[in-house]
N, C-alpha and C. Protein backbone atom coordinates (compact mmCIF):
# COMPACT_ATOMS: atom_id res chain seq x y z
N MET A 1 144.91 -49.22 -21.18
CA MET A 1 144.91 -49.40 -19.75
C MET A 1 145.09 -48.05 -19.07
N GLN A 2 144.11 -47.69 -18.26
CA GLN A 2 144.16 -46.40 -17.59
C GLN A 2 144.56 -46.61 -16.13
N MET A 3 145.62 -45.90 -15.72
CA MET A 3 146.06 -45.99 -14.33
C MET A 3 145.46 -44.84 -13.55
N GLN A 4 144.92 -45.14 -12.42
CA GLN A 4 144.41 -44.10 -11.55
C GLN A 4 144.96 -44.38 -10.16
N GLN A 5 145.59 -43.38 -9.63
CA GLN A 5 146.18 -43.55 -8.31
C GLN A 5 145.45 -42.64 -7.33
N ASN A 6 144.93 -43.19 -6.29
CA ASN A 6 144.26 -42.41 -5.26
C ASN A 6 145.22 -42.20 -4.10
N PHE A 7 145.32 -40.98 -3.67
CA PHE A 7 146.19 -40.65 -2.55
C PHE A 7 145.37 -40.48 -1.29
N GLU A 8 145.93 -40.89 -0.19
CA GLU A 8 145.36 -40.56 1.11
C GLU A 8 145.78 -39.12 1.37
N THR A 9 144.83 -38.22 1.41
CA THR A 9 145.18 -36.82 1.64
C THR A 9 144.75 -36.38 3.03
N THR A 10 145.43 -35.36 3.51
CA THR A 10 145.06 -34.74 4.77
C THR A 10 144.48 -33.38 4.44
N GLN A 11 143.27 -33.13 4.92
CA GLN A 11 142.62 -31.85 4.66
C GLN A 11 143.04 -30.85 5.72
N MET A 12 143.43 -29.64 5.27
CA MET A 12 143.86 -28.60 6.21
C MET A 12 143.57 -27.22 5.66
N THR A 13 143.42 -26.26 6.55
CA THR A 13 143.25 -24.86 6.16
C THR A 13 144.63 -24.26 5.94
N ILE A 14 144.81 -23.61 4.79
CA ILE A 14 146.11 -23.08 4.43
C ILE A 14 145.96 -21.64 3.94
N MET A 15 146.87 -20.78 4.36
CA MET A 15 146.93 -19.43 3.81
C MET A 15 148.09 -19.39 2.81
N ILE A 16 147.80 -18.97 1.59
CA ILE A 16 148.85 -18.82 0.58
C ILE A 16 149.70 -17.62 0.99
N GLU A 17 151.00 -17.82 1.10
CA GLU A 17 151.89 -16.74 1.53
C GLU A 17 152.62 -16.08 0.38
N GLU A 18 153.06 -16.86 -0.60
CA GLU A 18 153.82 -16.26 -1.68
C GLU A 18 153.79 -17.12 -2.93
N THR A 19 154.07 -16.46 -4.05
CA THR A 19 154.27 -17.18 -5.29
C THR A 19 155.71 -16.95 -5.72
N THR A 20 156.24 -17.88 -6.47
CA THR A 20 157.63 -17.80 -6.87
C THR A 20 157.74 -17.35 -8.33
N TYR A 21 158.96 -17.11 -8.74
CA TYR A 21 159.23 -16.72 -10.12
C TYR A 21 158.69 -17.76 -11.10
N SER A 22 158.75 -19.03 -10.70
CA SER A 22 158.27 -20.10 -11.58
C SER A 22 156.76 -20.35 -11.44
N LYS A 23 156.08 -19.46 -10.71
CA LYS A 23 154.63 -19.49 -10.53
C LYS A 23 154.11 -20.59 -9.61
N SER A 24 155.02 -21.28 -8.91
CA SER A 24 154.56 -22.19 -7.86
C SER A 24 154.30 -21.33 -6.63
N GLY A 25 153.82 -21.95 -5.56
CA GLY A 25 153.49 -21.16 -4.38
C GLY A 25 153.77 -21.89 -3.10
N PHE A 26 153.77 -21.12 -2.02
CA PHE A 26 153.96 -21.67 -0.69
C PHE A 26 152.91 -21.10 0.24
N GLY A 27 152.47 -21.94 1.15
CA GLY A 27 151.49 -21.51 2.13
C GLY A 27 151.84 -22.06 3.49
N VAL A 28 151.02 -21.71 4.46
CA VAL A 28 151.25 -22.17 5.82
C VAL A 28 149.92 -22.61 6.42
N THR A 29 149.97 -23.69 7.18
CA THR A 29 148.77 -24.20 7.85
C THR A 29 148.54 -23.40 9.12
N ASP A 30 147.38 -23.63 9.75
CA ASP A 30 147.12 -22.94 11.02
C ASP A 30 148.03 -23.44 12.13
N GLU A 31 148.74 -24.53 11.88
CA GLU A 31 149.72 -25.04 12.84
C GLU A 31 151.13 -24.55 12.51
N GLY A 32 151.26 -23.74 11.48
CA GLY A 32 152.55 -23.18 11.11
C GLY A 32 153.42 -24.06 10.23
N LYS A 33 152.85 -25.09 9.64
CA LYS A 33 153.62 -25.99 8.78
C LYS A 33 153.54 -25.54 7.33
N GLY A 34 154.65 -25.67 6.61
CA GLY A 34 154.74 -25.22 5.23
C GLY A 34 154.07 -26.17 4.26
N VAL A 35 153.48 -25.59 3.20
CA VAL A 35 152.81 -26.35 2.16
C VAL A 35 153.24 -25.81 0.80
N PHE A 36 153.61 -26.72 -0.10
CA PHE A 36 154.00 -26.35 -1.46
C PHE A 36 152.82 -26.52 -2.40
N PHE A 37 152.64 -25.57 -3.33
CA PHE A 37 151.62 -25.63 -4.37
C PHE A 37 152.34 -25.56 -5.71
N ASN A 38 152.15 -26.53 -6.59
CA ASN A 38 152.82 -26.47 -7.89
C ASN A 38 152.18 -25.40 -8.77
N SER A 39 152.88 -25.01 -9.82
CA SER A 39 152.42 -23.91 -10.68
C SER A 39 151.10 -24.25 -11.37
N ARG A 40 150.89 -25.51 -11.72
CA ARG A 40 149.63 -25.90 -12.36
C ARG A 40 148.45 -25.62 -11.44
N LEU A 41 148.56 -26.00 -10.17
CA LEU A 41 147.49 -25.79 -9.21
C LEU A 41 147.30 -24.29 -8.94
N MET A 42 148.40 -23.56 -8.80
CA MET A 42 148.31 -22.11 -8.56
C MET A 42 147.57 -21.42 -9.70
N GLY A 43 147.94 -21.77 -10.94
CA GLY A 43 147.33 -21.14 -12.10
C GLY A 43 145.90 -21.56 -12.34
N THR A 44 145.65 -22.86 -12.27
CA THR A 44 144.31 -23.38 -12.53
C THR A 44 143.28 -22.82 -11.55
N MET A 45 143.70 -22.70 -10.29
CA MET A 45 142.77 -22.24 -9.26
C MET A 45 142.90 -20.74 -8.99
N SER A 46 143.76 -20.05 -9.74
CA SER A 46 143.98 -18.60 -9.58
C SER A 46 144.31 -18.23 -8.14
N LEU A 47 145.22 -19.00 -7.55
CA LEU A 47 145.59 -18.77 -6.16
C LEU A 47 146.58 -17.61 -6.07
N LYS A 48 146.39 -16.78 -5.03
CA LYS A 48 147.22 -15.61 -4.83
C LYS A 48 147.56 -15.47 -3.34
N PRO A 49 148.65 -14.78 -3.02
CA PRO A 49 149.00 -14.57 -1.61
C PRO A 49 147.84 -13.94 -0.84
N GLY A 50 147.65 -14.44 0.37
CA GLY A 50 146.59 -13.94 1.24
C GLY A 50 145.31 -14.75 1.18
N MET A 51 145.17 -15.61 0.19
CA MET A 51 143.96 -16.41 0.08
C MET A 51 144.00 -17.56 1.09
N LEU A 52 142.83 -17.87 1.59
CA LEU A 52 142.67 -19.03 2.46
C LEU A 52 142.01 -20.13 1.65
N VAL A 53 142.56 -21.32 1.74
CA VAL A 53 141.99 -22.46 1.02
C VAL A 53 141.91 -23.66 1.94
N THR A 54 141.02 -24.56 1.59
CA THR A 54 141.04 -25.87 2.21
C THR A 54 141.87 -26.73 1.28
N GLY A 55 143.03 -27.16 1.75
CA GLY A 55 143.94 -27.94 0.93
C GLY A 55 143.86 -29.41 1.26
N HIS A 56 144.00 -30.22 0.25
CA HIS A 56 144.06 -31.66 0.40
C HIS A 56 145.52 -32.02 0.09
N CYS A 57 146.26 -32.37 1.12
CA CYS A 57 147.71 -32.46 1.02
C CYS A 57 148.23 -33.88 1.26
N ILE A 58 149.41 -34.10 0.70
CA ILE A 58 150.14 -35.33 0.95
C ILE A 58 151.53 -34.93 1.44
N PRO A 59 152.24 -35.87 2.07
CA PRO A 59 153.60 -35.54 2.51
C PRO A 59 154.46 -35.13 1.32
N ASN A 60 155.29 -34.13 1.53
CA ASN A 60 156.17 -33.65 0.47
C ASN A 60 157.24 -34.70 0.19
N TYR A 61 157.98 -34.51 -0.90
CA TYR A 61 159.05 -35.44 -1.24
C TYR A 61 160.04 -35.50 -0.07
N GLU A 62 160.64 -36.66 0.13
CA GLU A 62 161.51 -36.87 1.29
C GLU A 62 162.61 -35.83 1.43
N ASP A 63 163.23 -35.46 0.32
CA ASP A 63 164.34 -34.51 0.40
C ASP A 63 163.89 -33.08 0.69
N LYS A 64 162.59 -32.81 0.66
CA LYS A 64 162.05 -31.47 0.90
C LYS A 64 161.29 -31.37 2.23
N ARG A 65 160.97 -32.52 2.82
CA ARG A 65 160.09 -32.57 3.99
C ARG A 65 160.58 -31.82 5.21
N ASP A 66 161.89 -31.72 5.38
CA ASP A 66 162.40 -31.02 6.57
C ASP A 66 161.97 -29.56 6.60
N LYS A 67 161.95 -28.93 5.43
CA LYS A 67 161.59 -27.51 5.37
C LYS A 67 160.11 -27.29 5.07
N ILE A 68 159.58 -28.06 4.14
CA ILE A 68 158.18 -27.93 3.72
C ILE A 68 157.55 -29.32 3.81
N PRO A 69 156.83 -29.60 4.91
CA PRO A 69 156.34 -30.96 5.15
C PRO A 69 155.27 -31.47 4.18
N TYR A 70 154.49 -30.55 3.56
CA TYR A 70 153.37 -30.99 2.73
C TYR A 70 153.42 -30.40 1.33
N ARG A 71 152.75 -31.09 0.42
CA ARG A 71 152.46 -30.51 -0.89
C ARG A 71 150.98 -30.71 -1.14
N CYS A 72 150.38 -29.70 -1.67
CA CYS A 72 148.94 -29.70 -1.89
C CYS A 72 148.64 -30.31 -3.26
N VAL A 73 147.66 -31.20 -3.31
CA VAL A 73 147.29 -31.83 -4.57
C VAL A 73 145.90 -31.38 -5.06
N ARG A 74 145.13 -30.76 -4.17
CA ARG A 74 143.79 -30.30 -4.53
C ARG A 74 143.37 -29.23 -3.54
N VAL A 75 142.60 -28.25 -4.00
CA VAL A 75 142.08 -27.23 -3.10
C VAL A 75 140.58 -27.08 -3.29
N SER A 76 139.94 -26.62 -2.23
CA SER A 76 138.52 -26.31 -2.28
C SER A 76 138.27 -25.18 -1.29
N ASP A 77 137.08 -24.67 -1.26
CA ASP A 77 136.70 -23.60 -0.34
C ASP A 77 137.71 -22.45 -0.36
N ILE A 78 137.87 -21.86 -1.53
CA ILE A 78 138.80 -20.75 -1.67
C ILE A 78 138.11 -19.47 -1.22
N SER A 79 138.75 -18.74 -0.32
CA SER A 79 138.21 -17.45 0.09
C SER A 79 139.01 -16.35 -0.58
N SER A 80 138.44 -15.18 -0.60
CA SER A 80 139.15 -14.04 -1.18
C SER A 80 140.27 -13.62 -0.24
N LEU A 81 141.01 -12.63 -0.66
CA LEU A 81 142.12 -12.17 0.17
C LEU A 81 141.64 -11.78 1.55
N CYS A 82 142.40 -12.15 2.54
CA CYS A 82 142.10 -11.80 3.92
C CYS A 82 142.31 -10.29 4.08
N PRO A 83 141.38 -9.57 4.69
CA PRO A 83 141.55 -8.12 4.84
C PRO A 83 142.85 -7.75 5.56
N GLU A 84 143.23 -8.52 6.58
CA GLU A 84 144.46 -8.19 7.32
C GLU A 84 145.69 -8.30 6.43
N VAL A 85 145.71 -9.32 5.60
CA VAL A 85 146.86 -9.54 4.72
C VAL A 85 146.91 -8.47 3.65
N THR A 86 145.75 -8.18 3.05
CA THR A 86 145.68 -7.15 2.02
C THR A 86 146.14 -5.81 2.59
N THR A 87 145.68 -5.47 3.79
CA THR A 87 146.07 -4.22 4.43
C THR A 87 147.56 -4.19 4.68
N HIS A 88 148.13 -5.28 5.14
CA HIS A 88 149.57 -5.34 5.39
C HIS A 88 150.35 -5.10 4.10
N PHE A 89 149.99 -5.79 3.02
CA PHE A 89 150.68 -5.62 1.74
C PHE A 89 150.53 -4.18 1.24
N SER A 90 149.32 -3.66 1.31
CA SER A 90 149.05 -2.30 0.83
C SER A 90 149.89 -1.28 1.58
N LYS A 91 149.95 -1.41 2.90
CA LYS A 91 150.74 -0.47 3.71
C LYS A 91 152.22 -0.56 3.35
N LYS A 92 152.70 -1.76 3.16
CA LYS A 92 154.11 -1.96 2.82
C LYS A 92 154.44 -1.27 1.49
N ILE A 93 153.59 -1.44 0.50
CA ILE A 93 153.79 -0.82 -0.81
C ILE A 93 153.71 0.70 -0.68
N ASP A 94 152.66 1.19 -0.03
CA ASP A 94 152.45 2.64 0.10
C ASP A 94 153.60 3.31 0.85
N GLU A 95 154.08 2.70 1.93
CA GLU A 95 155.20 3.28 2.68
C GLU A 95 156.45 3.36 1.82
N PHE A 96 156.73 2.30 1.09
CA PHE A 96 157.91 2.30 0.23
C PHE A 96 157.80 3.38 -0.85
N MET A 97 156.67 3.44 -1.49
CA MET A 97 156.49 4.41 -2.58
C MET A 97 156.53 5.85 -2.07
N SER A 98 156.00 6.10 -0.89
CA SER A 98 156.01 7.47 -0.36
C SER A 98 157.43 7.91 0.00
N LYS A 99 158.29 6.98 0.37
CA LYS A 99 159.68 7.30 0.72
C LYS A 99 160.60 7.31 -0.49
N ASN A 100 160.21 6.64 -1.55
CA ASN A 100 161.04 6.49 -2.74
C ASN A 100 160.27 6.97 -3.96
N GLY A 101 159.97 8.24 -4.02
CA GLY A 101 159.11 8.79 -5.06
C GLY A 101 159.72 8.82 -6.44
N GLU A 102 160.08 7.69 -6.93
CA GLU A 102 160.63 7.58 -8.27
C GLU A 102 159.68 6.75 -9.13
N PHE A 103 160.08 6.52 -10.38
CA PHE A 103 159.34 5.61 -11.24
C PHE A 103 159.82 4.19 -10.93
N TRP A 104 158.89 3.27 -10.77
CA TRP A 104 159.23 1.89 -10.46
C TRP A 104 158.42 0.96 -11.34
N THR A 105 159.03 -0.09 -11.83
CA THR A 105 158.26 -1.12 -12.50
C THR A 105 157.73 -2.08 -11.43
N ILE A 106 156.76 -2.86 -11.77
CA ILE A 106 156.22 -3.84 -10.83
C ILE A 106 157.29 -4.85 -10.45
N GLU A 107 158.11 -5.24 -11.42
CA GLU A 107 159.18 -6.20 -11.15
C GLU A 107 160.22 -5.62 -10.18
N GLU A 108 160.55 -4.33 -10.35
CA GLU A 108 161.49 -3.69 -9.43
C GLU A 108 160.92 -3.62 -8.02
N LEU A 109 159.64 -3.26 -7.92
CA LEU A 109 159.00 -3.22 -6.60
C LEU A 109 158.98 -4.60 -5.97
N SER A 110 158.69 -5.61 -6.77
CA SER A 110 158.68 -6.98 -6.27
C SER A 110 160.03 -7.34 -5.68
N SER A 111 161.09 -6.98 -6.37
CA SER A 111 162.43 -7.28 -5.91
C SER A 111 162.78 -6.49 -4.65
N GLU A 112 162.48 -5.21 -4.64
CA GLU A 112 162.78 -4.34 -3.49
C GLU A 112 162.00 -4.73 -2.24
N LEU A 113 160.72 -5.08 -2.43
CA LEU A 113 159.84 -5.36 -1.30
C LEU A 113 159.76 -6.84 -0.96
N ASP A 114 160.38 -7.68 -1.78
CA ASP A 114 160.31 -9.13 -1.61
C ASP A 114 158.85 -9.58 -1.53
N MET A 115 158.09 -9.12 -2.53
CA MET A 115 156.66 -9.44 -2.60
C MET A 115 156.33 -9.99 -3.97
N ASP A 116 155.22 -10.66 -4.06
CA ASP A 116 154.72 -11.24 -5.29
C ASP A 116 154.30 -10.17 -6.29
N VAL A 117 154.66 -10.33 -7.56
CA VAL A 117 154.33 -9.39 -8.62
C VAL A 117 152.82 -9.19 -8.73
N THR A 118 152.06 -10.26 -8.63
CA THR A 118 150.60 -10.18 -8.77
C THR A 118 149.99 -9.33 -7.66
N THR A 119 150.46 -9.50 -6.45
CA THR A 119 149.95 -8.72 -5.31
C THR A 119 150.21 -7.25 -5.51
N ILE A 120 151.42 -6.91 -5.94
CA ILE A 120 151.77 -5.51 -6.17
C ILE A 120 150.92 -4.93 -7.29
N LYS A 121 150.80 -5.66 -8.38
CA LYS A 121 150.02 -5.18 -9.52
C LYS A 121 148.57 -4.93 -9.12
N GLU A 122 147.98 -5.84 -8.38
CA GLU A 122 146.59 -5.66 -7.95
C GLU A 122 146.43 -4.41 -7.10
N HIS A 123 147.38 -4.18 -6.20
CA HIS A 123 147.29 -2.99 -5.34
C HIS A 123 147.43 -1.71 -6.17
N LEU A 124 148.43 -1.67 -7.04
CA LEU A 124 148.66 -0.46 -7.83
C LEU A 124 147.48 -0.16 -8.76
N GLU A 125 146.86 -1.20 -9.30
CA GLU A 125 145.75 -0.99 -10.23
C GLU A 125 144.44 -0.62 -9.54
N THR A 126 144.30 -0.95 -8.27
CA THR A 126 143.05 -0.65 -7.57
C THR A 126 143.14 0.58 -6.67
N SER A 127 144.35 1.04 -6.38
CA SER A 127 144.52 2.20 -5.51
C SER A 127 144.37 3.48 -6.31
N GLN A 128 143.77 4.48 -5.70
CA GLN A 128 143.62 5.80 -6.33
C GLN A 128 144.92 6.61 -6.26
N ARG A 129 145.90 6.14 -5.49
CA ARG A 129 147.13 6.91 -5.26
C ARG A 129 148.14 6.82 -6.39
N TYR A 130 147.97 5.91 -7.30
CA TYR A 130 148.99 5.66 -8.31
C TYR A 130 148.45 5.89 -9.71
N ARG A 131 149.35 6.31 -10.57
CA ARG A 131 148.99 6.37 -11.99
C ARG A 131 150.14 5.74 -12.77
N THR A 132 149.81 5.28 -13.93
CA THR A 132 150.79 4.60 -14.76
C THR A 132 151.14 5.45 -15.96
N THR A 133 152.29 5.21 -16.51
CA THR A 133 152.72 5.94 -17.69
C THR A 133 153.43 4.99 -18.64
N ALA A 134 153.32 5.25 -19.92
CA ALA A 134 154.06 4.46 -20.90
C ALA A 134 155.50 5.00 -20.92
N ALA A 135 156.44 4.15 -21.08
CA ALA A 135 157.83 4.56 -21.12
C ALA A 135 158.54 3.87 -22.28
N TYR A 136 159.52 4.55 -22.84
CA TYR A 136 160.32 4.00 -23.93
C TYR A 136 161.76 4.02 -23.51
N LEU A 137 162.48 3.01 -23.93
CA LEU A 137 163.89 2.85 -23.53
C LEU A 137 164.74 2.61 -24.75
N TRP A 138 165.84 3.35 -24.87
CA TRP A 138 166.80 3.14 -25.94
C TRP A 138 167.55 1.85 -25.66
N GLN A 139 167.64 0.99 -26.66
CA GLN A 139 168.33 -0.28 -26.45
C GLN A 139 169.65 -0.30 -27.12
């Protein structure tokens, strides 16, 4: 016996704002309402901060609805990173690095800048301003 449950979904445009340590994500609708994306959906669809998606959402769990009204169950029409968002992230990283000219790991930058590890890594790997080095640590 196969159970199939169809949900009444609400379609909305959502910008992915951040990913969490557990690889789930959060976005915001054009009306400013929060949307949760589980880690499976984030990974399967390769969703990253700054992307615009058409989300098919259902109301979030009752105990979470006050802060995040929706959870996304399906996405379509994924666009690449918004130029404005990419520029904002890039400027934030570049300003920090120019003022703190030390060696930083991506995880340290993520913590200092309160930004997603993937976003920082993409910027560092595509910018001509940075170079990487192998490092060894005595344990």
